[in-house]
N, C-alpha and C. Protein backbone atom coordinates (compact mmCIF):
# COMPACT_ATOMS: atom_id res chain seq x y z
N UNK A 1 -2.68 -4.83 10.54
CA UNK A 1 -3.15 -4.19 9.57
C UNK A 1 -2.29 -4.50 8.03
N UNK A 2 -2.97 -4.94 7.16
CA UNK A 2 -2.12 -5.26 5.95
C UNK A 2 -2.32 -4.12 4.90
N UNK A 3 -1.37 -3.86 4.12
CA UNK A 3 -1.70 -2.57 3.10
C UNK A 3 -1.58 -3.27 1.86
N UNK A 4 -2.05 -2.61 0.93
CA UNK A 4 -1.96 -2.75 -0.49
C UNK A 4 -2.79 -3.93 -0.88
N UNK A 5 -2.52 -5.21 -0.32
CA UNK A 5 -3.01 -6.41 -0.93
C UNK A 5 -3.62 -7.09 -0.01
N UNK A 6 -4.85 -7.94 -0.08
CA UNK A 6 -5.21 -8.80 0.82
C UNK A 6 -6.19 -9.76 -0.14
N UNK A 7 -7.18 -10.52 0.84
CA UNK A 7 -7.91 -11.65 0.22
C UNK A 7 -9.01 -10.88 -1.08
N UNK A 8 -9.01 -9.85 -1.02
CA UNK A 8 -10.10 -9.25 -1.90
C UNK A 8 -9.23 -8.64 -2.97
N UNK A 9 -8.34 -8.71 -3.34
CA UNK A 9 -7.07 -8.28 -4.39
C UNK A 9 -7.45 -9.06 -5.71
N UNK A 10 -7.81 -8.48 -6.87
CA UNK A 10 -7.76 -9.36 -7.98
C UNK A 10 -6.60 -8.85 -8.76
N UNK A 11 -6.23 -9.83 -9.15
CA UNK A 11 -4.67 -10.16 -9.85
C UNK A 11 -4.76 -10.60 -10.99
N UNK A 12 -3.92 -9.96 -11.83
CA UNK A 12 -3.43 -10.68 -13.27
C UNK A 12 -2.18 -10.58 -13.36
N UNK A 13 -1.44 -11.44 -14.13
CA UNK A 13 -0.02 -11.92 -14.60
C UNK A 13 0.10 -11.40 -15.76
N UNK A 14 0.87 -10.21 -15.63
CA UNK A 14 1.62 -9.80 -17.30
C UNK A 14 2.81 -10.74 -17.63
N UNK A 15 2.55 -11.43 -18.21
CA UNK A 15 4.20 -12.21 -18.57
C UNK A 15 3.65 -13.93 -18.16
N UNK A 16 2.13 -14.03 -18.05
CA UNK A 16 2.21 -15.32 -17.32
C UNK A 16 2.39 -16.73 -17.94
N UNK A 17 2.38 -16.40 -19.28
CA UNK A 17 2.75 -17.73 -20.19
C UNK A 17 4.33 -17.86 -20.31
N UNK A 18 5.01 -17.24 -19.86
CA UNK A 18 6.52 -17.78 -19.86
C UNK A 18 6.61 -18.33 -18.40
N UNK A 19 7.91 -19.15 -18.74
CA UNK A 19 8.37 -20.17 -17.68
C UNK A 19 8.18 -19.62 -16.57
N UNK A 20 8.69 -18.27 -16.01
CA UNK A 20 8.92 -17.82 -14.80
C UNK A 20 7.56 -17.21 -14.38
N UNK A 21 6.63 -16.83 -15.26
CA UNK A 21 5.40 -16.37 -14.80
C UNK A 21 4.39 -17.37 -14.79
N UNK A 22 4.65 -18.40 -15.01
CA UNK A 22 3.98 -19.54 -14.81
C UNK A 22 3.84 -20.42 -13.58
N UNK A 23 5.50 -20.43 -13.26
CA UNK A 23 5.76 -21.05 -12.06
C UNK A 23 5.20 -20.45 -10.97
N UNK A 24 5.60 -19.11 -10.78
CA UNK A 24 5.05 -17.87 -9.70
C UNK A 24 3.52 -17.92 -9.84
N UNK A 25 2.99 -17.93 -10.83
CA UNK A 25 1.57 -17.78 -10.59
C UNK A 25 0.98 -19.06 -10.06
N UNK A 26 1.53 -20.13 -10.65
CA UNK A 26 0.76 -21.28 -9.88
C UNK A 26 1.31 -21.29 -8.59
N UNK A 27 2.41 -21.24 -7.80
CA UNK A 27 2.76 -21.09 -6.18
C UNK A 27 1.87 -20.37 -5.83
N UNK A 28 1.55 -18.87 -6.34
CA UNK A 28 0.87 -17.91 -5.63
C UNK A 28 -0.58 -18.15 -5.74
N UNK A 29 -1.42 -19.04 -6.51
CA UNK A 29 -2.39 -19.62 -6.48
C UNK A 29 -2.65 -20.42 -5.39
N UNK A 30 -1.52 -21.20 -5.11
CA UNK A 30 -2.02 -22.25 -4.05
C UNK A 30 -1.91 -21.52 -2.76
N UNK A 31 -1.32 -20.39 -2.65
CA UNK A 31 -1.34 -19.92 -1.22
C UNK A 31 -2.59 -18.93 -0.81
N UNK A 32 -2.94 -19.02 0.37
CA UNK A 32 -3.81 -18.41 0.90
C UNK A 32 -5.41 -18.48 0.01
N UNK A 33 -5.83 -17.27 -0.25
CA UNK A 33 -6.65 -16.90 -1.15
C UNK A 33 -6.32 -16.89 -2.66
N UNK A 34 -5.13 -17.31 -3.10
CA UNK A 34 -4.87 -17.03 -4.29
C UNK A 34 -5.72 -17.65 -5.56
N UNK A 35 -6.68 -18.70 -5.32
CA UNK A 35 -7.74 -19.15 -6.07
C UNK A 35 -8.07 -18.29 -6.80
N UNK A 36 -8.91 -17.62 -5.54
CA UNK A 36 -9.85 -16.36 -5.81
C UNK A 36 -9.49 -15.06 -6.34
N UNK A 37 -7.97 -14.88 -5.80
CA UNK A 37 -7.34 -13.41 -6.21
C UNK A 37 -6.74 -13.54 -7.75
N UNK A 38 -6.14 -14.41 -7.91
CA UNK A 38 -5.63 -14.43 -9.40
C UNK A 38 -6.78 -14.69 -10.52
N UNK A 39 -6.93 -13.53 -11.29
CA UNK A 39 -8.18 -13.91 -12.41
C UNK A 39 -7.83 -13.95 -13.94
N UNK A 40 -6.44 -14.02 -14.18
CA UNK A 40 -6.03 -13.74 -15.49
C UNK A 40 -5.06 -13.43 -15.79
N UNK A 41 -4.47 -13.40 -17.25
CA UNK A 41 -3.05 -13.05 -17.59
C UNK A 41 -3.39 -12.41 -18.76
N UNK A 42 -2.09 -11.84 -19.18
CA UNK A 42 -2.03 -11.04 -20.31
C UNK A 42 -0.80 -11.32 -21.27
N UNK A 43 -1.19 -11.50 -22.71
CA UNK A 43 -0.44 -12.00 -23.48
C UNK A 43 -0.91 -11.82 -25.11
N UNK A 44 -0.65 -10.62 -25.80
CA UNK A 44 -1.29 -10.47 -27.08
C UNK A 44 -1.10 -11.75 -27.91
N UNK A 45 -0.32 -12.44 -27.74
CA UNK A 45 0.13 -13.33 -28.68
C UNK A 45 -0.88 -14.83 -28.51
N UNK A 46 -1.16 -14.73 -27.06
CA UNK A 46 -1.95 -15.95 -26.85
C UNK A 46 -3.33 -15.37 -26.27
N UNK A 47 -3.97 -14.37 -26.67
CA UNK A 47 -5.12 -13.96 -26.24
C UNK A 47 -6.15 -14.99 -26.87
N UNK A 48 -7.36 -14.98 -25.74
CA UNK A 48 -8.21 -16.03 -26.20
C UNK A 48 -8.15 -17.35 -25.40
N UNK A 49 -6.68 -17.85 -25.28
CA UNK A 49 -6.44 -19.05 -24.66
C UNK A 49 -6.62 -19.22 -23.10
N UNK A 50 -6.42 -20.38 -22.60
CA UNK A 50 -6.73 -20.77 -21.08
C UNK A 50 -5.48 -21.30 -20.86
N UNK A 51 -5.42 -20.82 -19.26
CA UNK A 51 -3.84 -21.50 -18.52
C UNK A 51 -4.27 -21.79 -17.45
N UNK A 52 -4.40 -23.30 -17.41
CA UNK A 52 -5.07 -23.81 -15.75
C UNK A 52 -5.80 -22.88 -15.41
N UNK A 53 -6.95 -22.84 -15.93
CA UNK A 53 -8.42 -22.36 -15.86
C UNK A 53 -7.99 -20.79 -15.89
N UNK A 54 -7.30 -20.02 -16.23
CA UNK A 54 -6.98 -18.85 -16.12
C UNK A 54 -7.23 -18.23 -17.56
N UNK A 55 -8.09 -17.02 -17.86
CA UNK A 55 -8.12 -16.67 -19.29
C UNK A 55 -7.06 -15.68 -19.52
N UNK A 56 -6.46 -15.70 -21.06
CA UNK A 56 -5.33 -14.87 -21.27
C UNK A 56 -6.05 -14.14 -21.97
N UNK A 57 -5.81 -12.51 -21.85
CA UNK A 57 -6.24 -11.20 -22.63
C UNK A 57 -5.09 -10.72 -23.42
N UNK A 58 -5.60 -10.11 -24.36
CA UNK A 58 -4.65 -9.46 -25.31
C UNK A 58 -4.47 -8.28 -24.74
N UNK A 59 -4.66 -7.64 -23.89
CA UNK A 59 -4.44 -6.13 -23.10
C UNK A 59 -4.68 -6.19 -21.43
N UNK A 60 -4.09 -5.53 -20.83
CA UNK A 60 -4.25 -5.05 -19.47
C UNK A 60 -5.63 -4.68 -19.49
N UNK A 61 -5.83 -3.70 -20.25
CA UNK A 61 -7.54 -2.87 -20.39
C UNK A 61 -8.46 -4.07 -20.29
N UNK A 62 -8.29 -4.99 -21.66
CA UNK A 62 -9.32 -5.85 -21.92
C UNK A 62 -9.60 -6.73 -20.55
N UNK A 63 -8.31 -7.12 -19.79
CA UNK A 63 -8.33 -8.06 -18.67
C UNK A 63 -8.97 -7.07 -17.55
N UNK A 64 -8.50 -6.00 -17.36
CA UNK A 64 -9.13 -5.13 -16.13
C UNK A 64 -10.59 -5.19 -16.53
N UNK A 65 -11.18 -4.67 -17.60
CA UNK A 65 -12.45 -4.62 -17.85
C UNK A 65 -13.47 -6.06 -17.73
N UNK A 66 -12.60 -7.27 -17.97
CA UNK A 66 -13.41 -8.54 -18.02
C UNK A 66 -13.40 -9.01 -16.64
N UNK A 67 -12.34 -8.76 -15.57
CA UNK A 67 -12.07 -9.44 -14.39
C UNK A 67 -12.27 -8.46 -13.06
N UNK A 68 -12.49 -6.93 -13.55
CA UNK A 68 -12.15 -6.40 -12.35
C UNK A 68 -10.71 -6.21 -11.45
N UNK A 69 -9.99 -6.58 -12.21
CA UNK A 69 -8.40 -6.81 -11.72
C UNK A 69 -8.12 -5.12 -11.24
N UNK A 70 -7.36 -5.22 -9.96
CA UNK A 70 -6.93 -4.00 -9.52
C UNK A 70 -5.47 -4.22 -9.57
N UNK A 71 -4.69 -5.21 -9.16
CA UNK A 71 -3.46 -5.33 -9.04
C UNK A 71 -3.06 -6.23 -10.46
N UNK A 72 -1.86 -5.96 -10.99
CA UNK A 72 -1.04 -6.50 -11.89
C UNK A 72 0.41 -7.03 -11.51
N UNK A 73 0.54 -8.09 -11.80
CA UNK A 73 2.31 -8.28 -11.29
C UNK A 73 2.91 -8.57 -12.78
N UNK A 74 4.28 -8.29 -12.98
CA UNK A 74 5.02 -8.15 -14.10
C UNK A 74 5.97 -9.44 -14.04
N UNK A 75 6.11 -10.24 -15.02
CA UNK A 75 7.03 -11.15 -15.26
C UNK A 75 7.82 -10.90 -16.74
N UNK A 76 7.55 -10.01 -17.14
CA UNK A 76 7.89 -9.74 -18.53
C UNK A 76 9.54 -9.50 -18.76
N UNK A 77 10.09 -10.26 -19.77
CA UNK A 77 11.83 -10.04 -19.89
C UNK A 77 12.04 -8.40 -19.98
N UNK A 78 13.32 -8.07 -19.61
CA UNK A 78 13.82 -6.70 -19.31
C UNK A 78 13.56 -5.90 -20.41
N UNK A 79 13.26 -6.35 -21.87
CA UNK A 79 13.22 -5.44 -22.83
C UNK A 79 12.01 -4.83 -23.02
N UNK A 80 10.77 -5.73 -22.44
CA UNK A 80 9.58 -5.32 -22.58
C UNK A 80 8.87 -5.07 -21.25
N UNK A 81 9.64 -4.63 -20.51
CA UNK A 81 8.87 -4.47 -18.95
C UNK A 81 8.44 -3.04 -18.76
N UNK A 82 9.43 -2.22 -19.08
CA UNK A 82 8.78 -0.83 -19.02
C UNK A 82 7.70 -0.78 -19.58
N UNK A 83 7.36 -1.20 -20.90
CA UNK A 83 6.45 -0.85 -21.42
C UNK A 83 4.94 -1.68 -21.25
N UNK A 84 5.52 -2.71 -20.22
CA UNK A 84 4.25 -3.46 -19.68
C UNK A 84 3.74 -2.45 -18.57
N UNK A 85 4.91 -1.95 -17.60
CA UNK A 85 4.46 -1.09 -16.32
C UNK A 85 3.61 0.26 -17.24
N UNK A 86 3.68 0.49 -18.29
CA UNK A 86 3.18 1.59 -18.68
C UNK A 86 2.11 1.29 -19.43
N UNK A 87 1.74 0.30 -19.95
CA UNK A 87 0.50 -0.43 -20.24
C UNK A 87 -0.53 -0.47 -18.80
N UNK A 88 -0.04 -1.15 -17.93
CA UNK A 88 -0.95 -1.47 -16.75
C UNK A 88 -1.25 -0.16 -16.17
N UNK A 89 -0.16 1.14 -16.06
CA UNK A 89 -0.45 2.38 -15.72
C UNK A 89 -1.58 3.10 -16.52
N UNK A 90 -1.41 2.66 -17.90
CA UNK A 90 -2.56 3.68 -18.68
C UNK A 90 -3.81 2.57 -18.37
N UNK A 91 -3.85 1.76 -18.35
CA UNK A 91 -5.10 0.80 -17.80
C UNK A 91 -5.69 1.25 -16.51
N UNK A 92 -5.21 1.90 -15.83
CA UNK A 92 -5.53 2.38 -14.49
C UNK A 92 -5.41 0.97 -13.43
N UNK A 93 -4.57 0.31 -13.40
CA UNK A 93 -4.63 -0.49 -12.46
C UNK A 93 -4.02 0.05 -11.04
N UNK A 94 -4.57 -0.36 -10.07
CA UNK A 94 -4.16 0.49 -8.93
C UNK A 94 -2.94 0.12 -8.48
N UNK A 95 -2.53 -1.05 -8.42
CA UNK A 95 -0.98 -1.37 -7.83
C UNK A 95 -0.41 -2.45 -8.91
N UNK A 96 0.35 -2.02 -9.43
CA UNK A 96 1.75 -2.50 -10.50
C UNK A 96 2.75 -3.05 -9.42
N UNK A 97 3.14 -4.36 -9.75
CA UNK A 97 4.17 -4.85 -9.07
C UNK A 97 5.12 -5.55 -10.24
N UNK A 98 6.25 -4.89 -10.15
CA UNK A 98 7.25 -5.26 -11.42
C UNK A 98 8.33 -6.27 -10.58
N UNK A 99 8.22 -7.59 -10.76
CA UNK A 99 9.38 -8.43 -10.67
C UNK A 99 10.61 -8.31 -11.30
N UNK A 100 10.46 -8.01 -12.70
CA UNK A 100 11.58 -8.31 -13.70
C UNK A 100 12.62 -7.35 -13.07
N UNK A 101 14.09 -7.95 -13.08
CA UNK A 101 15.36 -7.45 -13.07
C UNK A 101 15.95 -7.27 -14.37
N UNK A 102 16.82 -5.93 -14.33
CA UNK A 102 17.75 -5.68 -15.67
C UNK A 102 16.89 -4.86 -16.53
N UNK A 103 16.18 -3.84 -16.08
CA UNK A 103 15.29 -2.94 -16.95
C UNK A 103 16.41 -1.69 -17.15
N UNK A 104 16.51 -1.25 -18.27
CA UNK A 104 17.59 -0.63 -18.58
C UNK A 104 16.89 0.87 -17.84
N UNK A 105 17.83 1.55 -17.27
CA UNK A 105 17.50 2.79 -16.34
C UNK A 105 16.67 3.85 -17.43
N UNK A 106 17.07 3.92 -18.50
CA UNK A 106 16.39 4.92 -19.18
C UNK A 106 15.08 4.81 -19.62
N UNK A 107 14.87 3.37 -19.74
CA UNK A 107 13.33 2.90 -19.83
C UNK A 107 12.32 3.23 -18.84
N UNK A 108 13.00 2.98 -17.55
CA UNK A 108 12.40 3.47 -16.62
C UNK A 108 12.06 4.94 -16.26
N UNK A 109 13.06 5.73 -16.73
CA UNK A 109 13.43 7.19 -16.78
C UNK A 109 11.86 7.41 -17.49
N UNK A 110 11.75 6.95 -19.05
CA UNK A 110 10.90 7.20 -19.74
C UNK A 110 9.15 7.21 -18.86
N UNK A 111 9.20 5.66 -18.19
CA UNK A 111 8.18 5.49 -17.81
C UNK A 111 7.53 6.38 -16.58
N UNK A 112 8.48 6.81 -15.89
CA UNK A 112 8.19 7.61 -14.64
C UNK A 112 7.66 8.89 -15.16
N UNK A 113 8.39 9.24 -16.46
CA UNK A 113 7.95 10.62 -16.99
C UNK A 113 6.81 10.41 -17.51
N UNK A 114 6.18 9.43 -18.12
CA UNK A 114 4.84 9.13 -18.73
C UNK A 114 3.68 9.11 -17.64
N UNK A 115 3.99 8.36 -16.40
CA UNK A 115 3.08 8.22 -15.49
C UNK A 115 2.96 9.60 -15.01
N UNK A 116 3.81 10.54 -14.94
CA UNK A 116 3.65 11.67 -14.23
C UNK A 116 2.90 12.53 -15.23
N UNK A 117 3.28 12.74 -16.26
CA UNK A 117 2.60 13.44 -17.55
C UNK A 117 0.95 12.88 -17.39
N UNK A 118 0.67 11.57 -17.39
CA UNK A 118 -0.60 11.38 -17.70
C UNK A 118 -1.54 11.54 -16.21
N UNK A 119 -0.68 11.78 -14.99
CA UNK A 119 -1.49 12.05 -14.07
C UNK A 119 -1.94 10.61 -13.26
N UNK A 120 -1.14 9.65 -13.53
CA UNK A 120 -1.04 8.17 -13.04
C UNK A 120 -1.45 8.38 -11.79
N UNK A 121 -2.62 7.31 -11.35
CA UNK A 121 -3.00 7.27 -10.00
C UNK A 121 -2.59 5.49 -9.42
N UNK A 122 -1.61 5.18 -10.29
CA UNK A 122 -1.17 3.55 -10.23
C UNK A 122 0.09 3.74 -9.34
N UNK A 123 -0.09 2.79 -8.44
CA UNK A 123 1.25 2.66 -7.33
C UNK A 123 2.21 1.41 -8.13
N UNK A 124 3.40 2.12 -8.14
CA UNK A 124 4.57 1.05 -8.78
C UNK A 124 5.12 0.14 -7.67
N UNK A 125 5.16 -0.96 -7.57
CA UNK A 125 6.03 -1.72 -6.76
C UNK A 125 7.16 -2.20 -7.49
N UNK A 126 8.48 -1.81 -7.29
CA UNK A 126 9.71 -2.13 -8.02
C UNK A 126 9.86 -1.38 -9.11
N UNK A 127 10.69 -2.03 -10.28
CA UNK A 127 10.95 -3.22 -10.65
C UNK A 127 12.18 -3.79 -9.69
N UNK A 128 12.40 -4.77 -10.09
CA UNK A 128 13.58 -5.68 -9.67
C UNK A 128 13.24 -5.75 -7.83
N UNK A 129 12.20 -6.33 -7.60
CA UNK A 129 11.69 -6.31 -6.41
C UNK A 129 11.16 -7.85 -6.33
N UNK A 130 11.01 -8.34 -4.88
CA UNK A 130 10.41 -9.74 -4.83
C UNK A 130 8.74 -9.64 -4.22
N UNK A 131 8.26 -8.60 -4.73
CA UNK A 131 6.67 -8.72 -4.61
C UNK A 131 6.24 -8.14 -2.98
N UNK A 132 4.96 -8.62 -2.85
CA UNK A 132 4.23 -8.28 -1.74
C UNK A 132 3.57 -9.43 -1.11
N UNK A 133 3.54 -9.63 0.20
CA UNK A 133 3.03 -10.78 0.91
C UNK A 133 2.18 -10.38 1.80
N UNK A 134 0.94 -10.44 2.13
CA UNK A 134 0.31 -10.27 3.38
C UNK A 134 -0.31 -11.96 3.93
N UNK A 135 0.74 -12.23 4.77
CA UNK A 135 0.36 -13.64 5.39
C UNK A 135 -0.78 -14.11 5.70
N UNK A 136 -1.13 -15.54 5.34
CA UNK A 136 -2.41 -16.13 5.19
C UNK A 136 -3.61 -15.58 4.36
N UNK A 137 -3.11 -14.50 3.34
CA UNK A 137 -4.22 -14.34 2.56
C UNK A 137 -3.80 -14.49 1.16
N UNK A 138 -2.28 -13.81 0.83
CA UNK A 138 -2.02 -13.40 -0.50
C UNK A 138 -0.83 -13.39 -0.54
N UNK A 139 0.19 -13.65 -1.62
CA UNK A 139 1.39 -13.73 -2.07
C UNK A 139 1.51 -13.44 -3.81
N UNK A 140 1.83 -12.17 -3.80
CA UNK A 140 2.02 -11.88 -5.01
C UNK A 140 3.62 -11.09 -5.44
N UNK A 141 3.94 -12.27 -6.13
CA UNK A 141 5.59 -12.12 -6.49
C UNK A 141 6.37 -13.25 -6.29
N UNK A 142 7.50 -13.14 -5.80
CA UNK A 142 8.44 -14.56 -5.47
C UNK A 142 8.72 -14.67 -4.10
N UNK A 143 8.32 -14.16 -3.18
CA UNK A 143 8.31 -14.32 -1.75
C UNK A 143 8.06 -15.81 -1.38
N UNK A 144 9.31 -16.50 -0.73
CA UNK A 144 9.06 -17.96 -0.10
C UNK A 144 7.79 -17.74 1.11
N UNK A 145 6.69 -18.61 0.84
CA UNK A 145 5.54 -18.65 1.60
C UNK A 145 6.05 -19.30 3.07
N UNK A 146 6.74 -20.11 3.16
CA UNK A 146 7.18 -20.93 4.24
C UNK A 146 7.64 -20.00 5.44
N UNK A 147 8.22 -18.73 5.29
CA UNK A 147 9.00 -18.29 6.44
C UNK A 147 7.91 -17.16 6.91
N UNK A 148 7.06 -16.77 6.21
CA UNK A 148 5.86 -15.79 6.92
C UNK A 148 4.89 -16.33 7.99
N UNK A 149 4.23 -15.58 8.57
CA UNK A 149 3.27 -15.93 9.60
C UNK A 149 2.78 -14.64 9.82
N UNK A 150 1.20 -14.94 10.05
CA UNK A 150 0.43 -13.52 10.01
C UNK A 150 0.34 -12.99 11.54
N UNK A 151 0.49 -11.62 11.35
CA UNK A 151 0.70 -10.94 12.56
C UNK A 151 0.60 -9.25 12.36
N UNK A 152 1.21 -8.77 13.24
CA UNK A 152 1.04 -7.18 13.15
C UNK A 152 2.14 -6.62 13.11
N UNK A 153 3.42 -6.86 12.43
CA UNK A 153 4.87 -6.17 12.16
C UNK A 153 4.80 -6.09 10.58
N UNK A 154 4.67 -4.75 10.22
CA UNK A 154 5.15 -4.66 8.65
C UNK A 154 6.49 -4.59 8.22
N UNK A 155 7.03 -5.03 7.24
CA UNK A 155 8.22 -5.24 6.79
C UNK A 155 8.58 -4.56 5.54
N UNK A 156 9.29 -3.49 5.51
CA UNK A 156 9.68 -3.15 3.98
C UNK A 156 11.49 -3.05 3.91
N UNK A 157 11.82 -3.54 2.73
CA UNK A 157 13.11 -3.62 2.44
C UNK A 157 13.04 -3.40 0.77
N UNK A 158 14.37 -2.91 0.76
CA UNK A 158 14.89 -2.54 -0.72
C UNK A 158 15.31 -4.06 -1.25
N UNK A 159 16.22 -5.00 -0.51
CA UNK A 159 16.63 -5.95 -0.92
C UNK A 159 15.58 -7.02 -0.52
N UNK A 160 15.64 -8.07 -1.98
CA UNK A 160 14.84 -9.07 -1.38
C UNK A 160 15.31 -10.36 -0.24
N UNK A 161 16.68 -10.33 -0.45
CA UNK A 161 17.03 -11.23 0.23
C UNK A 161 17.22 -10.70 1.95
N UNK A 162 17.24 -9.70 2.03
CA UNK A 162 17.23 -9.11 3.44
C UNK A 162 15.55 -8.77 3.69
N UNK A 163 14.75 -8.94 2.74
CA UNK A 163 13.36 -8.93 3.31
C UNK A 163 12.97 -10.41 3.67
N UNK A 164 13.36 -11.19 3.27
CA UNK A 164 13.39 -12.70 3.52
C UNK A 164 13.91 -13.20 5.00
N UNK A 165 15.02 -12.65 5.12
CA UNK A 165 15.84 -12.54 6.21
C UNK A 165 15.36 -12.01 7.53
N UNK A 166 14.64 -10.76 7.26
CA UNK A 166 14.03 -9.96 8.32
C UNK A 166 12.69 -10.64 8.68
N UNK A 167 11.85 -11.00 7.61
CA UNK A 167 10.79 -12.11 8.03
C UNK A 167 11.04 -13.16 8.67
N UNK A 168 12.11 -13.97 8.22
CA UNK A 168 12.14 -15.42 8.68
C UNK A 168 12.66 -15.09 10.38
N UNK A 169 13.41 -14.21 10.70
CA UNK A 169 13.94 -13.93 12.16
C UNK A 169 12.59 -13.31 13.01
N UNK A 170 12.14 -12.50 12.39
CA UNK A 170 11.06 -12.26 13.34
C UNK A 170 9.78 -13.68 13.37
N UNK A 171 9.67 -14.26 12.26
CA UNK A 171 8.88 -15.69 12.50
C UNK A 171 9.48 -16.70 13.44
N UNK A 172 10.94 -17.04 13.57
CA UNK A 172 11.48 -17.62 14.37
C UNK A 172 11.64 -17.18 15.72
N UNK A 173 11.26 -15.81 16.29
CA UNK A 173 11.10 -15.38 17.40
C UNK A 173 9.64 -15.43 17.72
N UNK A 174 8.88 -15.76 16.73
CA UNK A 174 7.39 -15.78 17.07
C UNK A 174 6.62 -14.89 16.76
N UNK A 175 7.00 -13.75 16.09
CA UNK A 175 6.17 -12.46 15.50
C UNK A 175 5.70 -12.81 14.41
N UNK A 176 4.52 -12.53 14.11
CA UNK A 176 4.08 -12.26 12.79
C UNK A 176 4.01 -11.35 11.85
N UNK A 177 3.82 -10.96 10.58
CA UNK A 177 3.85 -9.81 9.84
C UNK A 177 2.62 -9.58 9.46
N UNK A 178 1.94 -8.23 9.32
CA UNK A 178 1.14 -7.87 8.72
C UNK A 178 1.15 -7.65 7.21
N UNK A 179 1.93 -7.09 6.66
CA UNK A 179 2.51 -7.22 4.97
C UNK A 179 3.84 -7.08 5.16
N UNK A 180 4.62 -7.81 4.19
CA UNK A 180 5.95 -7.65 4.04
C UNK A 180 6.02 -7.35 2.56
N UNK A 181 6.97 -6.49 2.18
CA UNK A 181 6.99 -5.70 0.90
C UNK A 181 8.50 -5.75 0.26
N UNK A 182 8.97 -5.94 -0.43
CA UNK A 182 10.19 -5.95 -0.95
C UNK A 182 9.91 -4.50 -2.11
N UNK A 183 10.62 -3.58 -1.75
CA UNK A 183 10.36 -2.23 -2.78
C UNK A 183 11.08 -2.11 -3.92
N UNK A 184 12.21 -3.23 -4.00
CA UNK A 184 13.17 -3.27 -5.32
C UNK A 184 14.47 -2.08 -5.09
N UNK A 185 15.56 -2.69 -5.63
CA UNK A 185 16.60 -2.28 -5.60
C UNK A 185 17.28 -1.21 -6.72
N UNK A 186 16.53 -1.19 -7.80
CA UNK A 186 16.92 -0.40 -8.78
C UNK A 186 16.74 1.34 -8.71
N UNK A 187 17.94 1.86 -9.34
CA UNK A 187 17.94 3.16 -9.21
C UNK A 187 16.45 3.87 -9.17
N UNK A 188 15.72 3.35 -10.07
CA UNK A 188 14.78 4.39 -10.17
C UNK A 188 13.36 3.28 -10.25
N UNK A 189 12.82 3.60 -9.17
CA UNK A 189 11.68 2.72 -8.51
C UNK A 189 10.25 3.09 -8.10
N UNK A 190 9.31 2.69 -7.87
CA UNK A 190 8.21 3.44 -7.77
C UNK A 190 7.96 3.58 -5.90
N UNK A 191 7.26 2.68 -5.26
CA UNK A 191 7.10 2.94 -3.88
C UNK A 191 8.39 3.22 -3.19
N UNK A 192 8.41 4.19 -2.51
CA UNK A 192 9.74 4.04 -1.46
C UNK A 192 9.65 3.96 0.12
N UNK A 193 10.67 3.81 0.73
CA UNK A 193 10.35 3.21 2.09
C UNK A 193 9.36 4.38 2.83
N UNK A 194 9.44 5.34 2.56
CA UNK A 194 8.78 6.50 3.47
C UNK A 194 7.25 6.28 2.80
N UNK A 195 7.02 5.99 1.69
CA UNK A 195 5.48 5.84 1.07
C UNK A 195 5.10 4.65 1.62
N UNK A 196 5.54 3.38 2.05
CA UNK A 196 5.25 2.18 2.34
C UNK A 196 4.80 2.49 3.95
N UNK A 197 5.68 3.45 4.76
CA UNK A 197 5.65 3.64 5.88
C UNK A 197 4.25 4.41 6.43
N UNK A 198 4.32 5.35 5.24
CA UNK A 198 3.03 6.17 5.83
C UNK A 198 1.49 5.15 5.22
N UNK A 199 1.84 4.42 4.27
CA UNK A 199 0.42 3.28 4.30
C UNK A 199 0.20 2.71 5.60
């Protein structure tokens, strides 16, 4: 049983036009149902342009309205990443996946407080996480695809490297994964181990 993402997810990339965003969006689109799942990107300075067939929007709200996106993955640099999370939350994105490492703790305190005060229903994965992978269907983030195998074991870890290690060992033993989640190692993050286990 997969959780949070599958072949029916509709994903936008915040920071898609940067070097890291382009690289990982391209890889994720080439995996599983990625070509169908990734529907656009967000960059206010490049709104109206198209990158490798994907439209670029001025805001998350605009992208969601135009594409039906329910997932956003964030590759925005640390100085602007907290604002990107807040924008996705305010737009009502169901699952926000923040890959960015090095976001100032105080910025995340403000974002968490804002999400609480506004009654946000968004789930936040990260920041400083490798993302989430439902093998055979979708990869959202920076997880290496070749170590995964479709199966029935869920994997949850704070550490990106240990997520990969657990997945690789399971695969080597012939066991597949339903969904693998790296929840991120920052002091203030979104989904915790217990939240993932409940899901």
